[in-house]
Amino acid sequence: MILQYHMIRGNEFPPLRANPSDAGLDLRWVPSEAAETTLAVRPGESVLIPTGSLVSLISGSFLLELV
């Protein structure tokens, strides 16, 4: 499957598979401001995490959101 993505913040880490057999892609957190150095997510908490990436989903596929 060909994945289409666009980096919106000059992120040097594009979405990729850590191993060829992986079903999903790894995304990295990209701080929206230079002052941000840490990100904390508490148990049971839902947060939006900026990745600096726009990813196109192919018809018939799905996006898994871990909650």
N, C-alpha and C. Protein backbone atom coordinates (compact mmCIF):
# COMPACT_ATOMS: atom_id res chain seq x y z
N MET A 1 0.84 -1.17 0.00
CA MET A 1 0.00 0.00 0.00
C MET A 1 0.89 1.24 0.00
N ILE A 2 0.54 2.22 -0.80
CA ILE A 2 1.27 3.47 -0.86
C ILE A 2 0.60 4.46 0.07
N LEU A 3 1.38 5.05 0.96
CA LEU A 3 0.87 6.00 1.93
C LEU A 3 1.23 7.41 1.46
N GLN A 4 0.25 8.28 1.42
CA GLN A 4 0.49 9.68 1.07
C GLN A 4 0.48 10.51 2.34
N TYR A 5 1.52 11.32 2.53
CA TYR A 5 1.58 12.19 3.69
C TYR A 5 2.26 13.49 3.32
N HIS A 6 2.04 14.50 4.14
CA HIS A 6 2.64 15.81 3.93
C HIS A 6 3.13 16.32 5.27
N MET A 7 4.37 16.77 5.32
CA MET A 7 4.94 17.30 6.55
C MET A 7 4.62 18.79 6.61
N ILE A 8 3.89 19.24 7.65
CA ILE A 8 3.45 20.62 7.70
C ILE A 8 4.35 21.53 8.54
N ARG A 9 5.25 20.98 9.30
CA ARG A 9 6.13 21.80 10.12
C ARG A 9 7.61 21.51 9.92
N GLY A 10 7.98 21.01 8.78
CA GLY A 10 9.39 20.72 8.54
C GLY A 10 9.92 19.61 9.42
N ASN A 11 9.03 18.70 9.83
CA ASN A 11 9.41 17.59 10.70
C ASN A 11 10.44 16.72 9.99
N GLU A 12 11.55 16.45 10.64
CA GLU A 12 12.57 15.61 10.03
C GLU A 12 12.31 14.12 10.22
N PHE A 13 11.20 13.79 10.89
CA PHE A 13 10.86 12.40 11.14
C PHE A 13 9.54 12.05 10.46
N PRO A 14 9.56 11.61 9.22
CA PRO A 14 8.31 11.24 8.54
C PRO A 14 7.73 9.97 9.14
N PRO A 15 6.42 9.71 8.93
CA PRO A 15 5.83 8.47 9.43
C PRO A 15 6.53 7.27 8.79
N LEU A 16 6.89 6.28 9.59
CA LEU A 16 7.54 5.09 9.03
C LEU A 16 7.31 3.87 9.90
N ARG A 17 7.58 2.73 9.31
CA ARG A 17 7.48 1.46 10.04
C ARG A 17 8.84 1.16 10.66
N ALA A 18 8.84 0.79 11.93
CA ALA A 18 10.10 0.44 12.59
C ALA A 18 10.65 -0.87 12.01
N ASN A 19 9.73 -1.77 11.62
CA ASN A 19 10.10 -3.05 11.02
C ASN A 19 9.22 -3.28 9.80
N PRO A 20 9.75 -3.94 8.77
CA PRO A 20 8.97 -4.17 7.55
C PRO A 20 7.66 -4.91 7.79
N SER A 21 7.60 -5.74 8.83
CA SER A 21 6.39 -6.52 9.09
C SER A 21 5.35 -5.77 9.92
N ASP A 22 5.66 -4.54 10.38
CA ASP A 22 4.73 -3.76 11.18
C ASP A 22 3.49 -3.39 10.36
N ALA A 23 2.32 -3.46 11.00
CA ALA A 23 1.07 -3.11 10.34
C ALA A 23 0.83 -1.60 10.36
N GLY A 24 1.38 -0.91 11.34
CA GLY A 24 1.14 0.53 11.48
C GLY A 24 2.42 1.33 11.32
N LEU A 25 2.26 2.63 11.38
CA LEU A 25 3.39 3.54 11.24
C LEU A 25 3.66 4.25 12.57
N ASP A 26 4.90 4.59 12.80
CA ASP A 26 5.29 5.33 13.99
C ASP A 26 5.29 6.82 13.66
N LEU A 27 4.67 7.62 14.53
CA LEU A 27 4.67 9.07 14.41
C LEU A 27 5.38 9.64 15.62
N ARG A 28 6.08 10.75 15.43
CA ARG A 28 6.78 11.39 16.55
C ARG A 28 6.11 12.70 16.90
N TRP A 29 6.15 13.05 18.18
CA TRP A 29 5.62 14.32 18.66
C TRP A 29 6.50 15.44 18.17
N VAL A 30 5.87 16.48 17.62
CA VAL A 30 6.59 17.67 17.15
C VAL A 30 6.06 18.87 17.93
N PRO A 31 6.86 19.44 18.82
CA PRO A 31 6.39 20.59 19.59
C PRO A 31 5.95 21.71 18.66
N SER A 32 4.83 22.36 19.00
CA SER A 32 4.34 23.46 18.18
C SER A 32 5.10 24.75 18.48
N GLU A 33 5.75 24.81 19.63
CA GLU A 33 6.55 25.97 20.00
C GLU A 33 7.90 25.48 20.52
N ALA A 34 8.93 26.29 20.28
CA ALA A 34 10.28 25.91 20.70
C ALA A 34 10.39 25.73 22.21
N ALA A 35 9.53 26.41 22.97
CA ALA A 35 9.59 26.35 24.43
C ALA A 35 9.09 25.01 24.97
N GLU A 36 8.31 24.26 24.18
CA GLU A 36 7.79 22.97 24.65
C GLU A 36 8.90 21.93 24.61
N THR A 37 9.17 21.33 25.74
CA THR A 37 10.20 20.30 25.79
C THR A 37 9.68 18.98 26.33
N THR A 38 8.53 19.00 27.02
CA THR A 38 7.96 17.77 27.56
C THR A 38 6.46 17.71 27.27
N LEU A 39 5.96 16.51 27.27
CA LEU A 39 4.53 16.27 27.07
C LEU A 39 4.13 15.17 28.03
N ALA A 40 3.16 15.44 28.87
CA ALA A 40 2.70 14.45 29.85
C ALA A 40 1.26 14.05 29.54
N VAL A 41 1.01 12.75 29.51
CA VAL A 41 -0.34 12.22 29.32
C VAL A 41 -0.61 11.32 30.52
N ARG A 42 -1.58 11.70 31.32
CA ARG A 42 -1.91 10.95 32.53
C ARG A 42 -2.81 9.76 32.19
N PRO A 43 -2.80 8.72 33.01
CA PRO A 43 -3.67 7.56 32.77
C PRO A 43 -5.13 7.98 32.64
N GLY A 44 -5.80 7.49 31.61
CA GLY A 44 -7.20 7.79 31.37
C GLY A 44 -7.45 9.12 30.69
N GLU A 45 -6.42 9.90 30.45
CA GLU A 45 -6.56 11.22 29.84
C GLU A 45 -6.46 11.12 28.32
N SER A 46 -7.27 11.92 27.63
CA SER A 46 -7.20 12.01 26.16
C SER A 46 -6.62 13.36 25.79
N VAL A 47 -5.63 13.35 24.92
CA VAL A 47 -5.01 14.60 24.47
C VAL A 47 -4.75 14.52 22.96
N LEU A 48 -4.72 15.67 22.32
CA LEU A 48 -4.31 15.75 20.93
C LEU A 48 -2.81 16.00 20.92
N ILE A 49 -2.09 15.17 20.20
CA ILE A 49 -0.63 15.30 20.16
C ILE A 49 -0.22 15.70 18.74
N PRO A 50 0.36 16.91 18.59
CA PRO A 50 0.76 17.36 17.26
C PRO A 50 1.94 16.54 16.71
N THR A 51 1.77 16.01 15.50
CA THR A 51 2.84 15.23 14.87
C THR A 51 3.50 15.97 13.73
N GLY A 52 2.89 17.07 13.28
CA GLY A 52 3.45 17.80 12.15
C GLY A 52 3.21 17.09 10.83
N SER A 53 2.30 16.11 10.81
CA SER A 53 2.05 15.30 9.61
C SER A 53 0.57 15.31 9.24
N LEU A 54 0.29 15.36 7.97
CA LEU A 54 -1.04 15.11 7.44
C LEU A 54 -0.96 13.79 6.70
N VAL A 55 -1.85 12.87 7.00
CA VAL A 55 -1.82 11.54 6.39
C VAL A 55 -3.13 11.28 5.66
N SER A 56 -3.04 10.80 4.43
CA SER A 56 -4.21 10.48 3.63
C SER A 56 -4.59 9.02 3.87
N LEU A 57 -5.86 8.78 4.21
CA LEU A 57 -6.33 7.41 4.39
C LEU A 57 -7.01 6.93 3.12
N ILE A 58 -6.68 5.74 2.72
CA ILE A 58 -7.23 5.14 1.51
C ILE A 58 -8.62 4.61 1.80
N SER A 59 -9.52 4.74 0.86
CA SER A 59 -10.88 4.24 1.01
C SER A 59 -10.85 2.76 1.39
N GLY A 60 -11.64 2.40 2.41
CA GLY A 60 -11.67 1.01 2.87
C GLY A 60 -10.71 0.75 4.02
N SER A 61 -9.87 1.74 4.35
CA SER A 61 -8.97 1.57 5.49
C SER A 61 -9.55 2.29 6.70
N PHE A 62 -8.87 2.21 7.82
CA PHE A 62 -9.38 2.87 9.01
C PHE A 62 -8.22 3.42 9.82
N LEU A 63 -8.54 4.36 10.68
CA LEU A 63 -7.57 4.98 11.57
C LEU A 63 -7.87 4.51 12.99
N LEU A 64 -6.90 3.91 13.63
CA LEU A 64 -7.07 3.42 14.99
C LEU A 64 -6.64 4.50 15.97
N GLU A 65 -7.55 4.87 16.85
CA GLU A 65 -7.24 5.85 17.89
C GLU A 65 -7.17 5.12 19.21
N LEU A 66 -6.02 5.17 19.84
CA LEU A 66 -5.85 4.51 21.13
C LEU A 66 -6.34 5.44 22.22
N VAL A 67 -7.25 4.96 23.04
CA VAL A 67 -7.83 5.79 24.10
C VAL A 67 -7.50 5.16 25.44
